[in-house]
């Protein structure tokens, strides 16, 4: 997945997040459904941002960014900040 594709995925996830918030406000979905889907979206967003950062770091280090793979949610969510 190249940088442009990762950024497109990030934009799609953010758009879906906005749609969820609109749906819960209008009563189309329950807040429990919203919370679960938002959790999934946040994990996917974290994975995408992590992949993008690691691709950019690989490029800056002279390595092949296409050799960088998406890390599992359990690893990305376990990073210390």
PDB file of N, CA and C in Angstrom:
ATOM      1  N   UNK A   1       0.861  -1.174   0.000  1.00  0.00           N
ATOM      2  CA  UNK A   1       0.000   0.000   0.000  1.00  0.00           C
ATOM      3  C   UNK A   1       0.906   1.235   0.000  1.00  0.00           C
ATOM      4  N   UNK A   2       0.740   2.108  -0.986  1.00  0.00           N
ATOM      5  CA  UNK A   2       1.573   3.303  -1.051  1.00  0.00           C
ATOM      6  C   UNK A   2       0.990   4.417  -0.170  1.00  0.00           C
ATOM      7  N   UNK A   3       1.753   5.496  -0.006  1.00  0.00           N
ATOM      8  CA  UNK A   3       1.340   6.592   0.880  1.00  0.00           C
ATOM      9  C   UNK A   3      -0.012   7.176   0.471  1.00  0.00           C
ATOM     10  N   UNK A   4      -0.215   7.326  -0.819  1.00  0.00           N
ATOM     11  CA  UNK A   4      -1.471   7.915  -1.300  1.00  0.00           C
ATOM     12  C   UNK A   4      -2.659   7.021  -0.917  1.00  0.00           C
ATOM     13  N   UNK A   5      -2.492   5.728  -1.037  1.00  0.00           N
ATOM     14  CA  UNK A   5      -3.550   4.787  -0.680  1.00  0.00           C
ATOM     15  C   UNK A   5      -3.820   4.819   0.822  1.00  0.00           C
ATOM     16  N   UNK A   6      -2.747   4.908   1.619  1.00  0.00           N
ATOM     17  CA  UNK A   6      -2.905   4.984   3.076  1.00  0.00           C
ATOM     18  C   UNK A   6      -3.672   6.253   3.446  1.00  0.00           C
ATOM     19  N   UNK A   7      -3.295   7.387   2.843  1.00  0.00           N
ATOM     20  CA  UNK A   7      -3.987   8.644   3.144  1.00  0.00           C
ATOM     21  C   UNK A   7      -5.454   8.584   2.708  1.00  0.00           C
ATOM     22  N   UNK A   8      -5.716   7.947   1.596  1.00  0.00           N
ATOM     23  CA  UNK A   8      -7.098   7.788   1.136  1.00  0.00           C
ATOM     24  C   UNK A   8      -7.894   6.960   2.140  1.00  0.00           C
ATOM     25  N   UNK A   9      -7.284   5.902   2.649  1.00  0.00           N
ATOM     26  CA  UNK A   9      -7.944   5.051   3.659  1.00  0.00           C
ATOM     27  C   UNK A   9      -8.219   5.855   4.927  1.00  0.00           C
ATOM     28  N   UNK A  10      -7.257   6.665   5.343  1.00  0.00           N
ATOM     29  CA  UNK A  10      -7.442   7.512   6.528  1.00  0.00           C
ATOM     30  C   UNK A  10      -8.629   8.450   6.313  1.00  0.00           C
ATOM     31  N   UNK A  11      -8.680   9.084   5.154  1.00  0.00           N
ATOM     32  CA  UNK A  11      -9.786  10.001   4.861  1.00  0.00           C
ATOM     33  C   UNK A  11     -11.127   9.278   4.868  1.00  0.00           C
ATOM     34  N   UNK A  12     -11.170   8.056   4.314  1.00  0.00           N
ATOM     35  CA  UNK A  12     -12.408   7.270   4.315  1.00  0.00           C
ATOM     36  C   UNK A  12     -12.855   6.942   5.743  1.00  0.00           C
ATOM     37  N   UNK A  13     -11.897   6.562   6.586  1.00  0.00           N
ATOM     38  CA  UNK A  13     -12.225   6.224   7.976  1.00  0.00           C
ATOM     39  C   UNK A  13     -12.741   7.445   8.745  1.00  0.00           C
ATOM     40  N   UNK A  14     -12.121   8.588   8.520  1.00  0.00           N
ATOM     41  CA  UNK A  14     -12.563   9.820   9.185  1.00  0.00           C
ATOM     42  C   UNK A  14     -13.967  10.193   8.719  1.00  0.00           C
ATOM     43  N   UNK A  15     -14.211  10.046   7.428  1.00  0.00           N
ATOM     44  CA  UNK A  15     -15.547  10.338   6.901  1.00  0.00           C
ATOM     45  C   UNK A  15     -16.585   9.398   7.522  1.00  0.00           C
ATOM     46  N   UNK A  16     -16.236   8.135   7.655  1.00  0.00           N
ATOM     47  CA  UNK A  16     -17.166   7.181   8.277  1.00  0.00           C
ATOM     48  C   UNK A  16     -17.425   7.554   9.736  1.00  0.00           C
ATOM     49  N   UNK A  17     -16.391   8.030  10.420  1.00  0.00           N
ATOM     50  CA  UNK A  17     -16.560   8.468  11.812  1.00  0.00           C
ATOM     51  C   UNK A  17     -17.575   9.603  11.893  1.00  0.00           C
ATOM     52  N   UNK A  18     -17.465  10.560  10.990  1.00  0.00           N
ATOM     53  CA  UNK A  18     -18.417  11.684  10.976  1.00  0.00           C
ATOM     54  C   UNK A  18     -19.839  11.194  10.687  1.00  0.00           C
ATOM     55  N   UNK A  19     -19.963  10.248   9.759  1.00  0.00           N
ATOM     56  CA  UNK A  19     -21.283   9.713   9.439  1.00  0.00           C
ATOM     57  C   UNK A  19     -21.899   8.994  10.638  1.00  0.00           C
ATOM     58  N   UNK A  20     -21.065   8.249  11.371  1.00  0.00           N
ATOM     59  CA  UNK A  20     -21.571   7.559  12.571  1.00  0.00           C
ATOM     60  C   UNK A  20     -22.124   8.546  13.586  1.00  0.00           C
ATOM     61  N   UNK A  21     -21.396   9.612  13.799  1.00  0.00           N
ATOM     62  CA  UNK A  21     -21.837  10.609  14.779  1.00  0.00           C
ATOM     63  C   UNK A  21     -23.157  11.250  14.345  1.00  0.00           C
ATOM     64  N   UNK A  22     -23.289  11.475  13.060  1.00  0.00           N
ATOM     65  CA  UNK A  22     -24.540  12.032  12.534  1.00  0.00           C
ATOM     66  C   UNK A  22     -25.688  11.035  12.703  1.00  0.00           C
ATOM     67  N   UNK A  23     -25.411   9.760  12.429  1.00  0.00           N
ATOM     68  CA  UNK A  23     -26.444   8.735  12.551  1.00  0.00           C
ATOM     69  C   UNK A  23     -26.917   8.566  13.988  1.00  0.00           C
ATOM     70  N   UNK A  24     -26.002   8.617  14.941  1.00  0.00           N
ATOM     71  CA  UNK A  24     -26.409   8.453  16.335  1.00  0.00           C
ATOM     72  C   UNK A  24     -27.212   9.667  16.797  1.00  0.00           C
ATOM     73  N   UNK A  25     -26.840  10.849  16.322  1.00  0.00           N
ATOM     74  CA  UNK A  25     -27.575  12.063  16.701  1.00  0.00           C
ATOM     75  C   UNK A  25     -28.992  12.056  16.143  1.00  0.00           C
ATOM     76  N   UNK A  26     -29.159  11.454  14.966  1.00  0.00           N
ATOM     77  CA  UNK A  26     -30.495  11.427  14.358  1.00  0.00           C
ATOM     78  C   UNK A  26     -31.284  10.184  14.759  1.00  0.00           C
ATOM     79  N   UNK A  27     -30.687   9.331  15.610  1.00  0.00           N
ATOM     80  CA  UNK A  27     -31.386   8.151  16.109  1.00  0.00           C
ATOM     81  C   UNK A  27     -31.390   6.969  15.151  1.00  0.00           C
ATOM     82  N   UNK A  28     -30.587   7.035  14.089  1.00  0.00           N
ATOM     83  CA  UNK A  28     -30.536   5.937  13.121  1.00  0.00           C
ATOM     84  C   UNK A  28     -29.811   4.709  13.671  1.00  0.00           C
ATOM     85  N   UNK A  29     -28.871   4.934  14.586  1.00  0.00           N
ATOM     86  CA  UNK A  29     -28.164   3.825  15.236  1.00  0.00           C
ATOM     87  C   UNK A  29     -28.078   4.123  16.733  1.00  0.00           C
ATOM     88  N   UNK A  30     -27.874   3.078  17.502  1.00  0.00           N
ATOM     89  CA  UNK A  30     -27.775   3.262  18.955  1.00  0.00           C
ATOM     90  C   UNK A  30     -26.368   3.725  19.337  1.00  0.00           C
ATOM     91  N   UNK A  31     -26.258   4.328  20.505  1.00  0.00           N
ATOM     92  CA  UNK A  31     -24.934   4.768  20.957  1.00  0.00           C
ATOM     93  C   UNK A  31     -24.022   3.579  21.232  1.00  0.00           C
ATOM     94  N   UNK A  32     -24.594   2.423  21.595  1.00  0.00           N
ATOM     95  CA  UNK A  32     -23.765   1.223  21.775  1.00  0.00           C
ATOM     96  C   UNK A  32     -23.144   0.795  20.448  1.00  0.00           C
ATOM     97  N   UNK A  33     -23.951   0.805  19.389  1.00  0.00           N
ATOM     98  CA  UNK A  33     -23.431   0.470  18.058  1.00  0.00           C
ATOM     99  C   UNK A  33     -22.368   1.469  17.635  1.00  0.00           C
ATOM    100  N   UNK A  34     -22.633   2.747  17.916  1.00  0.00           N
ATOM    101  CA  UNK A  34     -21.668   3.794  17.559  1.00  0.00           C
ATOM    102  C   UNK A  34     -20.352   3.567  18.292  1.00  0.00           C
ATOM    103  N   UNK A  35     -20.423   3.296  19.586  1.00  0.00           N
ATOM    104  CA  UNK A  35     -19.197   3.104  20.376  1.00  0.00           C
ATOM    105  C   UNK A  35     -18.360   1.950  19.852  1.00  0.00           C
ATOM    106  N   UNK A  36     -19.007   0.849  19.546  1.00  0.00           N
ATOM    107  CA  UNK A  36     -18.268  -0.318  19.041  1.00  0.00           C
ATOM    108  C   UNK A  36     -17.608  -0.005  17.704  1.00  0.00           C
ATOM    109  N   UNK A  37     -18.379   0.605  16.803  1.00  0.00           N
ATOM    110  CA  UNK A  37     -17.812   0.915  15.481  1.00  0.00           C
ATOM    111  C   UNK A  37     -16.719   1.973  15.600  1.00  0.00           C
ATOM    112  N   UNK A  38     -16.897   2.956  16.478  1.00  0.00           N
ATOM    113  CA  UNK A  38     -15.865   3.982  16.673  1.00  0.00           C
ATOM    114  C   UNK A  38     -14.571   3.362  17.189  1.00  0.00           C
ATOM    115  N   UNK A  39     -14.689   2.392  18.074  1.00  0.00           N
ATOM    116  CA  UNK A  39     -13.502   1.710  18.587  1.00  0.00           C
ATOM    117  C   UNK A  39     -12.762   1.028  17.436  1.00  0.00           C
ATOM    118  N   UNK A  40     -13.524   0.353  16.572  1.00  0.00           N
ATOM    119  CA  UNK A  40     -12.928  -0.305  15.400  1.00  0.00           C
ATOM    120  C   UNK A  40     -12.270   0.718  14.469  1.00  0.00           C
ATOM    121  N   UNK A  41     -12.963   1.826  14.252  1.00  0.00           N
ATOM    122  CA  UNK A  41     -12.418   2.877  13.387  1.00  0.00           C
ATOM    123  C   UNK A  41     -11.126   3.454  13.962  1.00  0.00           C
ATOM    124  N   UNK A  42     -11.115   3.707  15.261  1.00  0.00           N
ATOM    125  CA  UNK A  42      -9.918   4.270  15.892  1.00  0.00           C
ATOM    126  C   UNK A  42      -8.738   3.321  15.773  1.00  0.00           C
ATOM    127  N   UNK A  43      -8.981   2.034  15.924  1.00  0.00           N
ATOM    128  CA  UNK A  43      -7.902   1.059  15.789  1.00  0.00           C
ATOM    129  C   UNK A  43      -7.377   1.037  14.354  1.00  0.00           C
ATOM    130  N   UNK A  44      -8.282   1.090  13.398  1.00  0.00           N
ATOM    131  CA  UNK A  44      -7.867   1.113  11.992  1.00  0.00           C
ATOM    132  C   UNK A  44      -7.106   2.383  11.663  1.00  0.00           C
ATOM    133  N   UNK A  45      -7.581   3.503  12.201  1.00  0.00           N
ATOM    134  CA  UNK A  45      -6.865   4.762  11.993  1.00  0.00           C
ATOM    135  C   UNK A  45      -5.461   4.709  12.595  1.00  0.00           C
ATOM    136  N   UNK A  46      -5.352   4.167  13.793  1.00  0.00           N
ATOM    137  CA  UNK A  46      -4.037   4.041  14.424  1.00  0.00           C
ATOM    138  C   UNK A  46      -3.103   3.196  13.568  1.00  0.00           C
ATOM    139  N   UNK A  47      -3.625   2.104  13.012  1.00  0.00           N
ATOM    140  CA  UNK A  47      -2.821   1.254  12.143  1.00  0.00           C
ATOM    141  C   UNK A  47      -2.361   2.013  10.902  1.00  0.00           C
ATOM    142  N   UNK A  48      -3.261   2.765  10.298  1.00  0.00           N
ATOM    143  CA  UNK A  48      -2.920   3.519   9.092  1.00  0.00           C
ATOM    144  C   UNK A  48      -1.868   4.582   9.381  1.00  0.00           C
ATOM    145  N   UNK A  49      -2.066   5.347  10.457  1.00  0.00           N
ATOM    146  CA  UNK A  49      -1.085   6.385  10.798  1.00  0.00           C
ATOM    147  C   UNK A  49       0.275   5.767  11.123  1.00  0.00           C
ATOM    148  N   UNK A  50       0.263   4.637  11.812  1.00  0.00           N
ATOM    149  CA  UNK A  50       1.507   3.943  12.124  1.00  0.00           C
ATOM    150  C   UNK A  50       2.211   3.509  10.841  1.00  0.00           C
ATOM    151  N   UNK A  51       1.467   2.923   9.926  1.00  0.00           N
ATOM    152  CA  UNK A  51       2.042   2.485   8.657  1.00  0.00           C
ATOM    153  C   UNK A  51       2.628   3.668   7.890  1.00  0.00           C
ATOM    154  N   UNK A  52       1.904   4.756   7.835  1.00  0.00           N
ATOM    155  CA  UNK A  52       2.383   5.943   7.123  1.00  0.00           C
ATOM    156  C   UNK A  52       3.667   6.478   7.749  1.00  0.00           C
ATOM    157  N   UNK A  53       3.715   6.559   9.081  1.00  0.00           N
ATOM    158  CA  UNK A  53       4.930   7.045   9.764  1.00  0.00           C
ATOM    159  C   UNK A  53       6.119   6.121   9.491  1.00  0.00           C
ATOM    160  N   UNK A  54       5.876   4.812   9.558  1.00  0.00           N
ATOM    161  CA  UNK A  54       6.969   3.870   9.334  1.00  0.00           C
ATOM    162  C   UNK A  54       7.424   3.863   7.879  1.00  0.00           C
ATOM    163  N   UNK A  55       6.525   4.068   6.929  1.00  0.00           N
ATOM    164  CA  UNK A  55       6.900   4.182   5.517  1.00  0.00           C
ATOM    165  C   UNK A  55       7.760   5.418   5.304  1.00  0.00           C
ATOM    166  N   UNK A  56       7.368   6.524   5.906  1.00  0.00           N
ATOM    167  CA  UNK A  56       8.146   7.764   5.765  1.00  0.00           C
ATOM    168  C   UNK A  56       9.522   7.620   6.421  1.00  0.00           C
ATOM    169  N   UNK A  57       9.571   6.946   7.557  1.00  0.00           N
ATOM    170  CA  UNK A  57      10.856   6.728   8.237  1.00  0.00           C
ATOM    171  C   UNK A  57      11.757   5.834   7.389  1.00  0.00           C
ATOM    172  N   UNK A  58      11.195   4.813   6.794  1.00  0.00           N
ATOM    173  CA  UNK A  58      11.979   3.928   5.932  1.00  0.00           C
ATOM    174  C   UNK A  58      12.540   4.713   4.743  1.00  0.00           C
ATOM    175  N   UNK A  59      11.711   5.533   4.134  1.00  0.00           N
ATOM    176  CA  UNK A  59      12.144   6.342   2.998  1.00  0.00           C
ATOM    177  C   UNK A  59      13.265   7.286   3.418  1.00  0.00           C
ATOM    178  N   UNK A  60      13.106   7.929   4.577  1.00  0.00           N
ATOM    179  CA  UNK A  60      14.122   8.871   5.068  1.00  0.00           C
ATOM    180  C   UNK A  60      15.441   8.162   5.375  1.00  0.00           C
ATOM    181  N   UNK A  61      15.362   6.888   5.745  1.00  0.00           N
ATOM    182  CA  UNK A  61      16.562   6.116   6.071  1.00  0.00           C
ATOM    183  C   UNK A  61      17.162   5.457   4.823  1.00  0.00           C
ATOM    184  N   UNK A  62      16.554   5.705   3.674  1.00  0.00           N
ATOM    185  CA  UNK A  62      17.052   5.121   2.438  1.00  0.00           C
ATOM    186  C   UNK A  62      16.599   3.690   2.198  1.00  0.00           C
ATOM    187  N   UNK A  63      15.635   3.228   2.975  1.00  0.00           N
ATOM    188  CA  UNK A  63      15.097   1.871   2.819  1.00  0.00           C
ATOM    189  C   UNK A  63      13.860   1.909   1.918  1.00  0.00           C
ATOM    190  N   UNK A  64      13.417   0.757   1.526  1.00  0.00           N
ATOM    191  CA  UNK A  64      12.252   0.624   0.659  1.00  0.00           C
ATOM    192  C   UNK A  64      10.969   0.724   1.483  1.00  0.00           C
ATOM    193  N   UNK A  65      10.183   1.789   1.312  1.00  0.00           N
ATOM    194  CA  UNK A  65       8.944   1.919   2.088  1.00  0.00           C
ATOM    195  C   UNK A  65       7.933   0.827   1.754  1.00  0.00           C
ATOM    196  N   UNK A  66       8.038   0.228   0.575  1.00  0.00           N
ATOM    197  CA  UNK A  66       7.104  -0.834   0.199  1.00  0.00           C
ATOM    198  C   UNK A  66       7.372  -2.134   0.956  1.00  0.00           C
ATOM    199  N   UNK A  67       8.513  -2.203   1.634  1.00  0.00           N
ATOM    200  CA  UNK A  67       8.830  -3.383   2.440  1.00  0.00           C
ATOM    201  C   UNK A  67       8.189  -3.310   3.827  1.00  0.00           C
ATOM    202  N   UNK A  68       7.604  -2.156   4.154  1.00  0.00           N
ATOM    203  CA  UNK A  68       6.962  -1.955   5.461  1.00  0.00           C
ATOM    204  C   UNK A  68       5.541  -2.499   5.402  1.00  0.00           C
ATOM    205  N   UNK A  69       5.187  -3.305   6.381  1.00  0.00           N
ATOM    206  CA  UNK A  69       3.853  -3.904   6.442  1.00  0.00           C
ATOM    207  C   UNK A  69       3.050  -3.336   7.602  1.00  0.00           C
ATOM    208  N   UNK A  70       1.743  -3.484   7.513  1.00  0.00           N
ATOM    209  CA  UNK A  70       0.847  -3.059   8.586  1.00  0.00           C
ATOM    210  C   UNK A  70       1.073  -3.949   9.807  1.00  0.00           C
ATOM    211  N   UNK A  71       1.203  -3.320  10.958  1.00  0.00           N
ATOM    212  CA  UNK A  71       1.366  -4.058  12.222  1.00  0.00           C
ATOM    213  C   UNK A  71      -0.015  -4.427  12.760  1.00  0.00           C
ATOM    214  N   UNK A  72      -0.103  -5.529  13.518  1.00  0.00           N
ATOM    215  CA  UNK A  72      -1.395  -5.904  14.098  1.00  0.00           C
ATOM    216  C   UNK A  72      -1.877  -4.856  15.111  1.00  0.00           C
ATOM    217  N   UNK A  73      -3.187  -4.788  15.273  1.00  0.00           N
ATOM    218  CA  UNK A  73      -3.800  -3.822  16.196  1.00  0.00           C
ATOM    219  C   UNK A  73      -3.188  -3.972  17.599  1.00  0.00           C
ATOM    220  N   UNK A  74      -2.983  -5.206  18.042  1.00  0.00           N
ATOM    221  CA  UNK A  74      -2.463  -5.422  19.395  1.00  0.00           C
ATOM    222  C   UNK A  74      -1.104  -4.760  19.580  1.00  0.00           C
ATOM    223  N   UNK A  75      -0.288  -4.727  18.552  1.00  0.00           N
ATOM    224  CA  UNK A  75       1.022  -4.091  18.665  1.00  0.00           C
ATOM    225  C   UNK A  75       0.890  -2.565  18.604  1.00  0.00           C
ATOM    226  N   UNK A  76       0.135  -2.076  17.633  1.00  0.00           N
ATOM    227  CA  UNK A  76      -0.014  -0.630  17.476  1.00  0.00           C
ATOM    228  C   UNK A  76      -0.652  -0.009  18.706  1.00  0.00           C
ATOM    229  N   UNK A  77      -1.669  -0.662  19.246  1.00  0.00           N
ATOM    230  CA  UNK A  77      -2.351  -0.121  20.425  1.00  0.00           C
ATOM    231  C   UNK A  77      -1.496  -0.256  21.691  1.00  0.00           C
ATOM    232  N   UNK A  78      -0.456  -1.054  21.646  1.00  0.00           N
ATOM    233  CA  UNK A  78       0.403  -1.243  22.802  1.00  0.00           C
ATOM    234  C   UNK A  78       1.595  -0.306  22.864  1.00  0.00           C
ATOM    235  N   UNK A  79       1.741   0.565  21.842  1.00  0.00           N
ATOM    236  CA  UNK A  79       2.871   1.494  21.838  1.00  0.00           C
ATOM    237  C   UNK A  79       2.780   2.433  23.029  1.00  0.00           C
ATOM    238  N   UNK A  80       3.930   2.746  23.617  1.00  0.00           N
ATOM    239  CA  UNK A  80       3.983   3.748  24.684  1.00  0.00           C
ATOM    240  C   UNK A  80       4.088   5.110  24.048  1.00  0.00           C
ATOM    241  N   UNK A  81       3.408   6.084  24.633  1.00  0.00           N
ATOM    242  CA  UNK A  81       3.418   7.430  24.049  1.00  0.00           C
ATOM    243  C   UNK A  81       4.367   8.333  24.779  1.00  0.00           C
TER     244      UNK A  81
END
